[in-house]
């Protein structure tokens, strides 16, 4: 699959008891976006983040999760990686992002996890993307 270029859009948080909301407005494709934590580790908890998006558009029949890491020390940004999100019912798509899936070359000592979502139509074609969320999630491979 070819990487999809980021196109600015917006989304608002879906507040759940453990959700860390994003700081944006309502978007055309997704009405709410949330993630379960703002810290990710490779060797100790939390080892994963649960991302949820709620489709705001009836044409959205699927969603992709894209991520990359930005080295906090020198600003180097890794290549994009992506995965299909799981439909959870009621126009909600979910993805469990596990630290062990981060490519070895992107496992910087201190990094930001950058991410965005892509809405897909029934044929699996892109309907558009959210903004790139850049400085919300801290990653470090070692335990604090």
Protein backbone atom coordinates (compact mmCIF):
# COMPACT_ATOMS: atom_id res chain seq x y z
CA UNK A 1 0.00 0.00 0.00
CA UNK A 2 1.33 3.45 -0.91
CA UNK A 3 1.76 5.95 1.95
CA UNK A 4 -1.00 8.53 2.02
CA UNK A 5 -0.04 12.19 2.15
CA UNK A 6 -1.35 14.05 5.17
CA UNK A 7 -4.20 16.45 4.52
CA UNK A 8 -5.25 18.76 7.35
CA UNK A 9 -8.56 17.96 9.04
CA UNK A 10 -9.83 17.97 12.61
CA UNK A 11 -11.31 15.68 15.23
CA UNK A 12 -12.53 15.95 18.81
CA UNK A 13 -11.95 13.67 21.76
CA UNK A 14 -14.12 10.73 22.68
CA UNK A 15 -13.95 10.83 26.44
CA UNK A 16 -13.80 7.49 28.17
CA UNK A 17 -12.60 6.87 31.72
CA UNK A 18 -9.00 6.25 30.59
CA UNK A 19 -8.92 8.25 27.35
CA UNK A 20 -6.38 11.00 26.82
CA UNK A 21 -8.23 13.31 24.40
CA UNK A 22 -6.70 15.03 21.42
CA UNK A 23 -6.81 18.81 21.31
CA UNK A 24 -8.67 19.46 18.05
CA UNK A 25 -12.12 20.28 16.69
CA UNK A 26 -14.73 18.14 14.90
CA UNK A 27 -13.67 16.77 11.51
CA UNK A 28 -15.40 15.78 8.29
CA UNK A 29 -14.50 12.07 8.49
CA UNK A 30 -14.18 11.37 12.21
CA UNK A 31 -16.16 13.06 14.96
CA UNK A 32 -14.02 11.82 17.84
CA UNK A 33 -10.55 10.43 18.40
CA UNK A 34 -9.13 9.05 21.63
CA UNK A 35 -6.16 7.10 22.92
CA UNK A 36 -5.76 5.25 26.20
CA UNK A 37 -2.43 6.69 27.39
CA UNK A 38 0.10 9.33 26.42
CA UNK A 39 3.16 7.21 27.33
CA UNK A 40 4.51 4.09 25.62
CA UNK A 41 7.40 1.84 26.67
CA UNK A 42 9.08 -1.17 25.11
CA UNK A 43 10.05 -2.98 28.32
CA UNK A 44 7.47 -2.01 30.96
CA UNK A 45 3.85 -0.85 31.17
CA UNK A 46 2.26 0.64 29.25
CA UNK A 47 3.32 -1.57 26.35
CA UNK A 48 0.33 -0.64 24.19
CA UNK A 49 -2.08 2.17 23.38
CA UNK A 50 -5.69 1.68 22.34
CA UNK A 51 -6.78 4.16 19.66
CA UNK A 52 -10.48 4.72 18.86
CA UNK A 53 -12.06 6.85 16.13
CA UNK A 54 -15.74 7.40 15.47
CA UNK A 55 -16.72 7.88 11.82
CA UNK A 56 -18.70 11.06 11.24
CA UNK A 57 -19.38 10.28 7.59
CA UNK A 58 -21.56 7.41 6.32
CA UNK A 59 -19.11 6.79 3.45
CA UNK A 60 -16.40 5.76 5.95
CA UNK A 61 -16.46 1.96 5.89
CA UNK A 62 -12.94 1.37 7.19
CA UNK A 63 -9.98 3.15 8.74
CA UNK A 64 -6.20 2.95 8.72
CA UNK A 65 -3.83 3.93 11.52
CA UNK A 66 -0.53 5.50 10.40
CA UNK A 67 2.38 6.17 12.73
CA UNK A 68 6.01 7.25 12.77
CA UNK A 69 8.44 8.30 15.48
CA UNK A 70 10.30 11.59 15.91
CA UNK A 71 13.63 11.46 17.75
CA UNK A 72 13.46 14.10 20.51
CA UNK A 73 17.23 14.56 20.51
CA UNK A 74 17.89 15.36 16.87
CA UNK A 75 14.47 15.67 15.18
CA UNK A 76 14.97 12.68 12.85
CA UNK A 77 11.60 11.24 11.80
CA UNK A 78 11.15 7.59 10.84
CA UNK A 79 9.22 6.31 7.82
CA UNK A 80 5.43 5.90 8.13
CA UNK A 81 4.07 2.49 9.10
CA UNK A 82 0.38 1.61 8.96
CA UNK A 83 -2.20 -0.94 9.95
CA UNK A 84 -5.89 -1.53 9.40
CA UNK A 85 -8.19 -0.60 12.27
CA UNK A 86 -10.77 -3.09 13.56
CA UNK A 87 -14.47 -2.16 13.25
CA UNK A 88 -15.95 -2.18 16.76
CA UNK A 89 -19.58 -1.37 15.85
CA UNK A 90 -21.53 1.92 16.01
CA UNK A 91 -19.16 3.59 13.49
CA UNK A 92 -16.22 3.05 15.86
CA UNK A 93 -12.86 1.77 14.64
CA UNK A 94 -10.21 0.58 17.07
CA UNK A 95 -6.51 -0.20 16.89
CA UNK A 96 -4.24 -1.60 19.60
CA UNK A 97 -0.78 -0.14 18.98
CA UNK A 98 1.86 -2.35 20.60
CA UNK A 99 5.37 -1.02 21.18
CA UNK A 100 6.91 -4.29 19.97
CA UNK A 101 5.59 -3.52 16.46
CA UNK A 102 7.72 -0.37 16.18
CA UNK A 103 10.43 -1.05 13.58
CA UNK A 104 13.89 -1.51 15.12
CA UNK A 105 15.33 1.50 13.25
CA UNK A 106 12.65 3.77 14.77
CA UNK A 107 13.17 2.74 18.40
CA UNK A 108 14.83 5.98 19.44
CA UNK A 109 15.88 6.48 23.08
CA UNK A 110 13.42 9.38 23.52
CA UNK A 111 10.74 10.01 20.89
CA UNK A 112 7.31 11.34 20.04
CA UNK A 113 4.84 8.93 18.46
CA UNK A 114 3.27 10.82 15.55
CA UNK A 115 0.03 9.43 14.14
CA UNK A 116 -2.93 10.05 11.88
CA UNK A 117 -6.02 8.23 10.63
CA UNK A 118 -7.28 7.58 7.10
CA UNK A 119 -10.95 7.05 6.31
CA UNK A 120 -11.69 4.41 3.66
CA UNK A 121 -14.76 3.86 1.50
CA UNK A 122 -16.32 0.46 0.72
CA UNK A 123 -13.75 -0.15 -2.05
CA UNK A 124 -10.87 0.54 0.36
CA UNK A 125 -10.01 3.88 -1.24
CA UNK A 126 -8.97 6.88 0.82
CA UNK A 127 -11.66 9.44 1.59
CA UNK A 128 -9.15 11.66 3.39
CA UNK A 129 -7.04 11.89 6.51
CA UNK A 130 -6.96 13.55 9.87
CA UNK A 131 -4.23 15.95 10.78
CA UNK A 132 -0.94 14.47 11.95
CA UNK A 133 -0.86 14.40 15.76
CA UNK A 134 2.77 15.10 16.66
CA UNK A 135 3.54 15.79 20.33
CA UNK A 136 0.91 13.94 22.37
CA UNK A 137 2.51 10.56 23.02
CA UNK A 138 5.95 10.01 24.56
CA UNK A 139 7.91 6.88 23.70
CA UNK A 140 10.97 5.48 25.42
CA UNK A 141 12.21 1.91 25.14
CA UNK A 142 13.54 1.65 28.71
CA UNK A 143 11.57 1.78 31.94
CA UNK A 144 11.60 5.09 33.81
